[in-house]
ModelCIF file with pLDDT and N, C-alpha, C, O atoms, coordinates in Angstrom:
data_MODEL
#
_entry.id   MODEL 
#
_entity.id                         1 
_entity.type                       polymer 
_entity.pdbx_number_of_molecules   1 
#
_entity_poly.entity_id                      1 
_entity_poly.type                           'polypeptide(L)' 
_entity_poly.nstd_linkage                   no 
_entity_poly.nstd_monomer                   no 
_entity_poly.pdbx_seq_one_letter_code       LVYGWQAIAPRINCGLIAVGGLGKVGFFLLTVAYWLAGDL 
_entity_poly.pdbx_seq_one_letter_code_can   LVYGWQAIAPRINCGLIAVGGLGKVGFFLLTVAYWLAGDL 
_entity_poly.pdbx_strand_id                 A 
#
loop_
_entity_poly_seq.entity_id 
_entity_poly_seq.num 
_entity_poly_seq.mon_id 
_entity_poly_seq.hetero 
1 1  LEU n 
1 2  VAL n 
1 3  TYR n 
1 4  GLY n 
1 5  TRP n 
1 6  GLN n 
1 7  ALA n 
1 8  ILE n 
1 9  ALA n 
1 10 PRO n 
1 11 ARG n 
1 12 ILE n 
1 13 ASN n 
1 14 CYS n 
1 15 GLY n 
1 16 LEU n 
1 17 ILE n 
1 18 ALA n 
1 19 VAL n 
1 20 GLY n 
1 21 GLY n 
1 22 LEU n 
1 23 GLY n 
1 24 LYS n 
1 25 VAL n 
1 26 GLY n 
1 27 PHE n 
1 28 PHE n 
1 29 LEU n 
1 30 LEU n 
1 31 THR n 
1 32 VAL n 
1 33 ALA n 
1 34 TYR n 
1 35 TRP n 
1 36 LEU n 
1 37 ALA n 
1 38 GLY n 
1 39 ASP n 
1 40 LEU n 
#
_struct_asym.id          A 
_struct_asym.entity_id   1 
#
loop_
_ma_qa_metric.id 
_ma_qa_metric.mode 
_ma_qa_metric.name 
_ma_qa_metric.software_group_id 
_ma_qa_metric.type 
1 global pLDDT . pLDDT 
2 local  pLDDT . pLDDT 
#
_ma_qa_metric_global.metric_id      1 
_ma_qa_metric_global.metric_value   95.75 
_ma_qa_metric_global.model_id       1 
_ma_qa_metric_global.ordinal_id     1 
#
loop_
_ma_qa_metric_local.label_asym_id 
_ma_qa_metric_local.label_comp_id 
_ma_qa_metric_local.label_seq_id 
_ma_qa_metric_local.metric_id 
_ma_qa_metric_local.metric_value 
_ma_qa_metric_local.model_id 
_ma_qa_metric_local.ordinal_id 
A LEU 1  2 97.00 1 1  
A VAL 2  2 96.00 1 2  
A TYR 3  2 97.00 1 3  
A GLY 4  2 97.00 1 4  
A TRP 5  2 97.00 1 5  
A GLN 6  2 96.00 1 6  
A ALA 7  2 96.00 1 7  
A ILE 8  2 96.00 1 8  
A ALA 9  2 96.00 1 9  
A PRO 10 2 95.00 1 10 
A ARG 11 2 93.00 1 11 
A ILE 12 2 94.00 1 12 
A ASN 13 2 94.00 1 13 
A CYS 14 2 94.00 1 14 
A GLY 15 2 95.00 1 15 
A LEU 16 2 95.00 1 16 
A ILE 17 2 96.00 1 17 
A ALA 18 2 97.00 1 18 
A VAL 19 2 96.00 1 19 
A GLY 20 2 96.00 1 20 
A GLY 21 2 96.00 1 21 
A LEU 22 2 97.00 1 22 
A GLY 23 2 96.00 1 23 
A LYS 24 2 97.00 1 24 
A VAL 25 2 98.00 1 25 
A GLY 26 2 97.00 1 26 
A PHE 27 2 95.00 1 27 
A PHE 28 2 97.00 1 28 
A LEU 29 2 98.00 1 29 
A LEU 30 2 96.00 1 30 
A THR 31 2 95.00 1 31 
A VAL 32 2 97.00 1 32 
A ALA 33 2 97.00 1 33 
A TYR 34 2 95.00 1 34 
A TRP 35 2 95.00 1 35 
A LEU 36 2 96.00 1 36 
A ALA 37 2 97.00 1 37 
A GLY 38 2 95.00 1 38 
A ASP 39 2 92.00 1 39 
A LEU 40 2 91.00 1 40 
#
loop_
_atom_site.group_PDB 
_atom_site.id 
_atom_site.type_symbol 
_atom_site.label_atom_id 
_atom_site.label_alt_id 
_atom_site.label_comp_id 
_atom_site.label_asym_id 
_atom_site.label_entity_id 
_atom_site.label_seq_id 
_atom_site.pdbx_PDB_ins_code 
_atom_site.Cartn_x 
_atom_site.Cartn_y 
_atom_site.Cartn_z 
_atom_site.occupancy 
_atom_site.B_iso_or_equiv 
_atom_site.pdbx_formal_charge 
_atom_site.auth_seq_id 
_atom_site.auth_comp_id 
_atom_site.auth_asym_id 
_atom_site.auth_atom_id 
_atom_site.pdbx_PDB_model_num 
ATOM 1   N N  . LEU A 1 1  ? -8.179 -0.664 7.778   1.00 97.00 ? 1  LEU A N  1 
ATOM 2   C CA . LEU A 1 1  ? -7.938 -1.180 8.989   1.00 97.00 ? 1  LEU A CA 1 
ATOM 3   C C  . LEU A 1 1  ? -6.900 -2.105 9.800   1.00 97.00 ? 1  LEU A C  1 
ATOM 4   O O  . LEU A 1 1  ? -6.751 -2.416 10.982  1.00 97.00 ? 1  LEU A O  1 
ATOM 5   N N  . VAL A 1 2  ? -6.325 -2.359 8.712   1.00 96.00 ? 2  VAL A N  1 
ATOM 6   C CA . VAL A 1 2  ? -5.423 -3.452 9.060   1.00 96.00 ? 2  VAL A CA 1 
ATOM 7   C C  . VAL A 1 2  ? -3.850 -2.846 9.844   1.00 96.00 ? 2  VAL A C  1 
ATOM 8   O O  . VAL A 1 2  ? -3.128 -3.259 10.751  1.00 96.00 ? 2  VAL A O  1 
ATOM 9   N N  . TYR A 1 3  ? -3.839 -1.603 8.868   1.00 97.00 ? 3  TYR A N  1 
ATOM 10  C CA . TYR A 1 3  ? -2.858 -0.763 9.596   1.00 97.00 ? 3  TYR A CA 1 
ATOM 11  C C  . TYR A 1 3  ? -2.926 -0.310 10.515  1.00 97.00 ? 3  TYR A C  1 
ATOM 12  O O  . TYR A 1 3  ? -1.931 0.222  11.006  1.00 97.00 ? 3  TYR A O  1 
ATOM 13  N N  . GLY A 1 4  ? -4.279 -0.322 11.236  1.00 97.00 ? 4  GLY A N  1 
ATOM 14  C CA . GLY A 1 4  ? -4.392 -0.095 12.692  1.00 97.00 ? 4  GLY A CA 1 
ATOM 15  C C  . GLY A 1 4  ? -4.318 -0.766 13.294  1.00 97.00 ? 4  GLY A C  1 
ATOM 16  O O  . GLY A 1 4  ? -3.564 -0.546 14.243  1.00 97.00 ? 4  GLY A O  1 
ATOM 17  N N  . TRP A 1 5  ? -5.013 -2.076 13.234  1.00 97.00 ? 5  TRP A N  1 
ATOM 18  C CA . TRP A 1 5  ? -4.745 -3.230 13.278  1.00 97.00 ? 5  TRP A CA 1 
ATOM 19  C C  . TRP A 1 5  ? -3.211 -3.826 13.982  1.00 97.00 ? 5  TRP A C  1 
ATOM 20  O O  . TRP A 1 5  ? -3.200 -4.318 15.110  1.00 97.00 ? 5  TRP A O  1 
ATOM 21  N N  . GLN A 1 6  ? -1.601 -3.659 12.899  1.00 96.00 ? 6  GLN A N  1 
ATOM 22  C CA . GLN A 1 6  ? -0.671 -3.626 13.127  1.00 96.00 ? 6  GLN A CA 1 
ATOM 23  C C  . GLN A 1 6  ? -0.512 -2.585 13.974  1.00 96.00 ? 6  GLN A C  1 
ATOM 24  O O  . GLN A 1 6  ? -0.289 -3.153 15.043  1.00 96.00 ? 6  GLN A O  1 
ATOM 25  N N  . ALA A 1 7  ? -0.488 -1.565 14.149  1.00 96.00 ? 7  ALA A N  1 
ATOM 26  C CA . ALA A 1 7  ? -0.086 -0.171 14.991  1.00 96.00 ? 7  ALA A CA 1 
ATOM 27  C C  . ALA A 1 7  ? -0.386 -0.652 16.317  1.00 96.00 ? 7  ALA A C  1 
ATOM 28  O O  . ALA A 1 7  ? 0.548  -0.477 17.100  1.00 96.00 ? 7  ALA A O  1 
ATOM 29  N N  . ILE A 1 8  ? -1.314 -1.154 16.761  1.00 96.00 ? 8  ILE A N  1 
ATOM 30  C CA . ILE A 1 8  ? -1.722 -2.065 18.092  1.00 96.00 ? 8  ILE A CA 1 
ATOM 31  C C  . ILE A 1 8  ? -1.340 -2.726 18.783  1.00 96.00 ? 8  ILE A C  1 
ATOM 32  O O  . ILE A 1 8  ? -1.247 -2.607 20.005  1.00 96.00 ? 8  ILE A O  1 
ATOM 33  N N  . ALA A 1 9  ? -0.888 -4.002 17.745  1.00 96.00 ? 9  ALA A N  1 
ATOM 34  C CA . ALA A 1 9  ? -0.381 -4.971 17.999  1.00 96.00 ? 9  ALA A CA 1 
ATOM 35  C C  . ALA A 1 9  ? 0.869  -5.492 18.624  1.00 96.00 ? 9  ALA A C  1 
ATOM 36  O O  . ALA A 1 9  ? 1.823  -5.123 17.938  1.00 96.00 ? 9  ALA A O  1 
ATOM 37  N N  . PRO A 1 10 ? 1.290  -6.276 19.757  1.00 95.00 ? 10 PRO A N  1 
ATOM 38  C CA . PRO A 1 10 ? 2.531  -6.299 20.359  1.00 95.00 ? 10 PRO A CA 1 
ATOM 39  C C  . PRO A 1 10 ? 3.550  -6.283 19.474  1.00 95.00 ? 10 PRO A C  1 
ATOM 40  O O  . PRO A 1 10 ? 4.450  -5.455 19.616  1.00 95.00 ? 10 PRO A O  1 
ATOM 41  N N  . ARG A 1 11 ? 3.564  -7.243 18.372  1.00 93.00 ? 11 ARG A N  1 
ATOM 42  C CA . ARG A 1 11 ? 4.307  -7.651 17.295  1.00 93.00 ? 11 ARG A CA 1 
ATOM 43  C C  . ARG A 1 11 ? 3.655  -7.186 15.765  1.00 93.00 ? 11 ARG A C  1 
ATOM 44  O O  . ARG A 1 11 ? 2.478  -7.225 15.407  1.00 93.00 ? 11 ARG A O  1 
ATOM 45  N N  . ILE A 1 12 ? 4.940  -6.705 14.959  1.00 94.00 ? 12 ILE A N  1 
ATOM 46  C CA . ILE A 1 12 ? 3.965  -6.501 13.863  1.00 94.00 ? 12 ILE A CA 1 
ATOM 47  C C  . ILE A 1 12 ? 4.605  -7.487 12.738  1.00 94.00 ? 12 ILE A C  1 
ATOM 48  O O  . ILE A 1 12 ? 5.800  -7.622 12.477  1.00 94.00 ? 12 ILE A O  1 
ATOM 49  N N  . ASN A 1 13 ? 3.636  -8.056 12.219  1.00 94.00 ? 13 ASN A N  1 
ATOM 50  C CA . ASN A 1 13 ? 3.527  -8.895 10.780  1.00 94.00 ? 13 ASN A CA 1 
ATOM 51  C C  . ASN A 1 13 ? 3.941  -8.318 10.058  1.00 94.00 ? 13 ASN A C  1 
ATOM 52  O O  . ASN A 1 13 ? 3.250  -7.351 9.740   1.00 94.00 ? 13 ASN A O  1 
ATOM 53  N N  . CYS A 1 14 ? 5.487  -8.506 9.214   1.00 94.00 ? 14 CYS A N  1 
ATOM 54  C CA . CYS A 1 14 ? 6.008  -8.375 8.061   1.00 94.00 ? 14 CYS A CA 1 
ATOM 55  C C  . CYS A 1 14 ? 5.463  -8.769 7.040   1.00 94.00 ? 14 CYS A C  1 
ATOM 56  O O  . CYS A 1 14 ? 5.644  -8.143 5.996   1.00 94.00 ? 14 CYS A O  1 
ATOM 57  N N  . GLY A 1 15 ? 4.644  -9.923 7.071   1.00 95.00 ? 15 GLY A N  1 
ATOM 58  C CA . GLY A 1 15 ? 3.831  -9.881 5.903   1.00 95.00 ? 15 GLY A CA 1 
ATOM 59  C C  . GLY A 1 15 ? 2.826  -9.073 5.074   1.00 95.00 ? 15 GLY A C  1 
ATOM 60  O O  . GLY A 1 15 ? 2.536  -8.888 3.892   1.00 95.00 ? 15 GLY A O  1 
ATOM 61  N N  . LEU A 1 16 ? 2.330  -8.572 6.660   1.00 95.00 ? 16 LEU A N  1 
ATOM 62  C CA . LEU A 1 16 ? 1.276  -7.817 6.157   1.00 95.00 ? 16 LEU A CA 1 
ATOM 63  C C  . LEU A 1 16 ? 1.318  -6.182 6.264   1.00 95.00 ? 16 LEU A C  1 
ATOM 64  O O  . LEU A 1 16 ? 0.363  -5.420 6.409   1.00 95.00 ? 16 LEU A O  1 
ATOM 65  N N  . ILE A 1 17 ? 2.653  -5.886 6.156   1.00 96.00 ? 17 ILE A N  1 
ATOM 66  C CA . ILE A 1 17 ? 3.316  -4.728 6.060   1.00 96.00 ? 17 ILE A CA 1 
ATOM 67  C C  . ILE A 1 17 ? 3.635  -4.988 4.881   1.00 96.00 ? 17 ILE A C  1 
ATOM 68  O O  . ILE A 1 17 ? 3.242  -4.357 3.900   1.00 96.00 ? 17 ILE A O  1 
ATOM 69  N N  . ALA A 1 18 ? 4.549  -6.164 4.866   1.00 97.00 ? 18 ALA A N  1 
ATOM 70  C CA . ALA A 1 18 ? 4.971  -6.109 2.771   1.00 97.00 ? 18 ALA A CA 1 
ATOM 71  C C  . ALA A 1 18 ? 3.745  -5.655 1.881   1.00 97.00 ? 18 ALA A C  1 
ATOM 72  O O  . ALA A 1 18 ? 3.939  -4.824 0.994   1.00 97.00 ? 18 ALA A O  1 
ATOM 73  N N  . VAL A 1 19 ? 2.238  -6.289 2.142   1.00 96.00 ? 19 VAL A N  1 
ATOM 74  C CA . VAL A 1 19 ? 1.324  -6.703 1.118   1.00 96.00 ? 19 VAL A CA 1 
ATOM 75  C C  . VAL A 1 19 ? 1.408  -4.791 1.205   1.00 96.00 ? 19 VAL A C  1 
ATOM 76  O O  . VAL A 1 19 ? 1.650  -4.115 0.205   1.00 96.00 ? 19 VAL A O  1 
ATOM 77  N N  . GLY A 1 20 ? 1.134  -4.142 2.703   1.00 96.00 ? 20 GLY A N  1 
ATOM 78  C CA . GLY A 1 20 ? 0.781  -2.849 2.756   1.00 96.00 ? 20 GLY A CA 1 
ATOM 79  C C  . GLY A 1 20 ? 1.423  -2.107 1.707   1.00 96.00 ? 20 GLY A C  1 
ATOM 80  O O  . GLY A 1 20 ? 0.861  -1.343 0.923   1.00 96.00 ? 20 GLY A O  1 
ATOM 81  N N  . GLY A 1 21 ? 2.615  -2.385 1.752   1.00 96.00 ? 21 GLY A N  1 
ATOM 82  C CA . GLY A 1 21 ? 3.880  -1.392 1.091   1.00 96.00 ? 21 GLY A CA 1 
ATOM 83  C C  . GLY A 1 21 ? 3.316  -1.687 -0.316  1.00 96.00 ? 21 GLY A C  1 
ATOM 84  O O  . GLY A 1 21 ? 3.026  -0.740 -1.048  1.00 96.00 ? 21 GLY A O  1 
ATOM 85  N N  . LEU A 1 22 ? 3.123  -3.157 -0.784  1.00 97.00 ? 22 LEU A N  1 
ATOM 86  C CA . LEU A 1 22 ? 3.073  -3.537 -2.358  1.00 97.00 ? 22 LEU A CA 1 
ATOM 87  C C  . LEU A 1 22 ? 1.613  -2.703 -3.035  1.00 97.00 ? 22 LEU A C  1 
ATOM 88  O O  . LEU A 1 22 ? 1.478  -2.156 -4.130  1.00 97.00 ? 22 LEU A O  1 
ATOM 89  N N  . GLY A 1 23 ? 0.781  -2.845 -2.070  1.00 96.00 ? 23 GLY A N  1 
ATOM 90  C CA . GLY A 1 23 ? -0.598 -1.951 -2.323  1.00 96.00 ? 23 GLY A CA 1 
ATOM 91  C C  . GLY A 1 23 ? -0.150 -0.381 -2.216  1.00 96.00 ? 23 GLY A C  1 
ATOM 92  O O  . GLY A 1 23 ? -0.464 0.622  -2.857  1.00 96.00 ? 23 GLY A O  1 
ATOM 93  N N  . LYS A 1 24 ? 0.375  -0.529 -1.558  1.00 97.00 ? 24 LYS A N  1 
ATOM 94  C CA . LYS A 1 24 ? 0.830  1.543  -1.718  1.00 97.00 ? 24 LYS A CA 1 
ATOM 95  C C  . LYS A 1 24 ? 1.850  1.943  -3.003  1.00 97.00 ? 24 LYS A C  1 
ATOM 96  O O  . LYS A 1 24 ? 1.565  2.776  -3.863  1.00 97.00 ? 24 LYS A O  1 
ATOM 97  N N  . VAL A 1 25 ? 2.918  1.280  -2.952  1.00 98.00 ? 25 VAL A N  1 
ATOM 98  C CA . VAL A 1 25 ? 3.513  1.298  -3.991  1.00 98.00 ? 25 VAL A CA 1 
ATOM 99  C C  . VAL A 1 25 ? 2.842  1.252  -5.743  1.00 98.00 ? 25 VAL A C  1 
ATOM 100 O O  . VAL A 1 25 ? 3.158  1.874  -6.758  1.00 98.00 ? 25 VAL A O  1 
ATOM 101 N N  . GLY A 1 26 ? 2.010  0.411  -5.517  1.00 97.00 ? 26 GLY A N  1 
ATOM 102 C CA . GLY A 1 26 ? 1.240  -0.110 -6.563  1.00 97.00 ? 26 GLY A CA 1 
ATOM 103 C C  . GLY A 1 26 ? 0.492  0.734  -6.938  1.00 97.00 ? 26 GLY A C  1 
ATOM 104 O O  . GLY A 1 26 ? 0.474  1.069  -8.122  1.00 97.00 ? 26 GLY A O  1 
ATOM 105 N N  . PHE A 1 27 ? -0.243 1.240  -6.094  1.00 95.00 ? 27 PHE A N  1 
ATOM 106 C CA . PHE A 1 27 ? -1.453 2.814  -5.988  1.00 95.00 ? 27 PHE A CA 1 
ATOM 107 C C  . PHE A 1 27 ? -0.949 3.677  -7.204  1.00 95.00 ? 27 PHE A C  1 
ATOM 108 O O  . PHE A 1 27 ? -1.393 3.954  -8.318  1.00 95.00 ? 27 PHE A O  1 
ATOM 109 N N  . PHE A 1 28 ? 0.490  4.054  -6.279  1.00 97.00 ? 28 PHE A N  1 
ATOM 110 C CA . PHE A 1 28 ? 1.230  4.974  -6.896  1.00 97.00 ? 28 PHE A CA 1 
ATOM 111 C C  . PHE A 1 28 ? 1.400  5.055  -8.360  1.00 97.00 ? 28 PHE A C  1 
ATOM 112 O O  . PHE A 1 28 ? 1.063  5.897  -9.193  1.00 97.00 ? 28 PHE A O  1 
ATOM 113 N N  . LEU A 1 29 ? 2.077  3.831  -8.431  1.00 98.00 ? 29 LEU A N  1 
ATOM 114 C CA . LEU A 1 29 ? 2.529  3.319  -9.935  1.00 98.00 ? 29 LEU A CA 1 
ATOM 115 C C  . LEU A 1 29 ? 1.227  3.578  -11.066 1.00 98.00 ? 29 LEU A C  1 
ATOM 116 O O  . LEU A 1 29 ? 1.241  4.225  -12.114 1.00 98.00 ? 29 LEU A O  1 
ATOM 117 N N  . LEU A 1 30 ? 0.216  2.881  -10.477 1.00 96.00 ? 30 LEU A N  1 
ATOM 118 C CA . LEU A 1 30 ? -0.859 2.979  -11.219 1.00 96.00 ? 30 LEU A CA 1 
ATOM 119 C C  . LEU A 1 30 ? -1.598 4.473  -11.827 1.00 96.00 ? 30 LEU A C  1 
ATOM 120 O O  . LEU A 1 30 ? -2.184 4.778  -12.866 1.00 96.00 ? 30 LEU A O  1 
ATOM 121 N N  . THR A 1 31 ? -1.311 5.007  -10.888 1.00 95.00 ? 31 THR A N  1 
ATOM 122 C CA . THR A 1 31 ? -1.723 6.507  -10.841 1.00 95.00 ? 31 THR A CA 1 
ATOM 123 C C  . THR A 1 31 ? -1.012 7.224  -11.766 1.00 95.00 ? 31 THR A C  1 
ATOM 124 O O  . THR A 1 31 ? -1.536 8.073  -12.488 1.00 95.00 ? 31 THR A O  1 
ATOM 125 N N  . VAL A 1 32 ? 0.284  6.901  -11.793 1.00 97.00 ? 32 VAL A N  1 
ATOM 126 C CA . VAL A 1 32 ? 1.598  7.659  -12.653 1.00 97.00 ? 32 VAL A CA 1 
ATOM 127 C C  . VAL A 1 32 ? 0.985  6.963  -14.096 1.00 97.00 ? 32 VAL A C  1 
ATOM 128 O O  . VAL A 1 32 ? 0.677  7.664  -15.059 1.00 97.00 ? 32 VAL A O  1 
ATOM 129 N N  . ALA A 1 33 ? 0.869  5.576  -14.090 1.00 97.00 ? 33 ALA A N  1 
ATOM 130 C CA . ALA A 1 33 ? 0.416  5.438  -15.667 1.00 97.00 ? 33 ALA A CA 1 
ATOM 131 C C  . ALA A 1 33 ? -0.491 5.708  -16.131 1.00 97.00 ? 33 ALA A C  1 
ATOM 132 O O  . ALA A 1 33 ? -0.551 5.850  -17.353 1.00 97.00 ? 33 ALA A O  1 
ATOM 133 N N  . TYR A 1 34 ? -1.628 5.894  -15.263 1.00 95.00 ? 34 TYR A N  1 
ATOM 134 C CA . TYR A 1 34 ? -2.943 6.388  -16.045 1.00 95.00 ? 34 TYR A CA 1 
ATOM 135 C C  . TYR A 1 34 ? -2.888 8.467  -16.006 1.00 95.00 ? 34 TYR A C  1 
ATOM 136 O O  . TYR A 1 34 ? -3.765 9.326  -16.091 1.00 95.00 ? 34 TYR A O  1 
ATOM 137 N N  . TRP A 1 35 ? -1.915 8.493  -15.897 1.00 95.00 ? 35 TRP A N  1 
ATOM 138 C CA . TRP A 1 35 ? -1.494 10.489 -15.368 1.00 95.00 ? 35 TRP A CA 1 
ATOM 139 C C  . TRP A 1 35 ? -0.638 10.091 -16.969 1.00 95.00 ? 35 TRP A C  1 
ATOM 140 O O  . TRP A 1 35 ? -0.918 11.007 -17.742 1.00 95.00 ? 35 TRP A O  1 
ATOM 141 N N  . LEU A 1 36 ? -0.109 9.491  -17.371 1.00 96.00 ? 36 LEU A N  1 
ATOM 142 C CA . LEU A 1 36 ? 1.228  9.534  -18.700 1.00 96.00 ? 36 LEU A CA 1 
ATOM 143 C C  . LEU A 1 36 ? 0.013  9.085  -19.613 1.00 96.00 ? 36 LEU A C  1 
ATOM 144 O O  . LEU A 1 36 ? 0.095  9.725  -20.660 1.00 96.00 ? 36 LEU A O  1 
ATOM 145 N N  . ALA A 1 37 ? -1.069 8.247  -19.630 1.00 97.00 ? 37 ALA A N  1 
ATOM 146 C CA . ALA A 1 37 ? -2.095 7.638  -20.586 1.00 97.00 ? 37 ALA A CA 1 
ATOM 147 C C  . ALA A 1 37 ? -2.642 8.734  -20.792 1.00 97.00 ? 37 ALA A C  1 
ATOM 148 O O  . ALA A 1 37 ? -3.133 8.886  -21.910 1.00 97.00 ? 37 ALA A O  1 
ATOM 149 N N  . GLY A 1 38 ? -2.734 9.728  -19.918 1.00 95.00 ? 38 GLY A N  1 
ATOM 150 C CA . GLY A 1 38 ? -3.991 10.699 -20.055 1.00 95.00 ? 38 GLY A CA 1 
ATOM 151 C C  . GLY A 1 38 ? -5.146 10.977 -19.503 1.00 95.00 ? 38 GLY A C  1 
ATOM 152 O O  . GLY A 1 38 ? -5.751 12.028 -19.714 1.00 95.00 ? 38 GLY A O  1 
ATOM 153 N N  . ASP A 1 39 ? -5.578 9.978  -18.685 1.00 92.00 ? 39 ASP A N  1 
ATOM 154 C CA . ASP A 1 39 ? -6.292 9.650  -18.084 1.00 92.00 ? 39 ASP A CA 1 
ATOM 155 C C  . ASP A 1 39 ? -6.277 10.509 -16.678 1.00 92.00 ? 39 ASP A C  1 
ATOM 156 O O  . ASP A 1 39 ? -7.322 10.872 -16.139 1.00 92.00 ? 39 ASP A O  1 
ATOM 157 N N  . LEU A 1 40 ? -5.543 10.667 -16.382 1.00 91.00 ? 40 LEU A N  1 
ATOM 158 C CA . LEU A 1 40 ? -5.708 11.420 -15.046 1.00 91.00 ? 40 LEU A CA 1 
ATOM 159 C C  . LEU A 1 40 ? -5.138 12.921 -15.255 1.00 91.00 ? 40 LEU A C  1 
ATOM 160 O O  . LEU A 1 40 ? -5.160 13.725 -14.323 1.00 91.00 ? 40 LEU A O  1 
#
């Protein structure tokens, strides 16, 4: 929903985009870590 909100906003908020970026990178890193641990 936040991505959609920012996609239609006249000005994109860098702070929200940074949090979204950290969330996505964090999701990837957690997935890889749990794969390496044998859980995924």
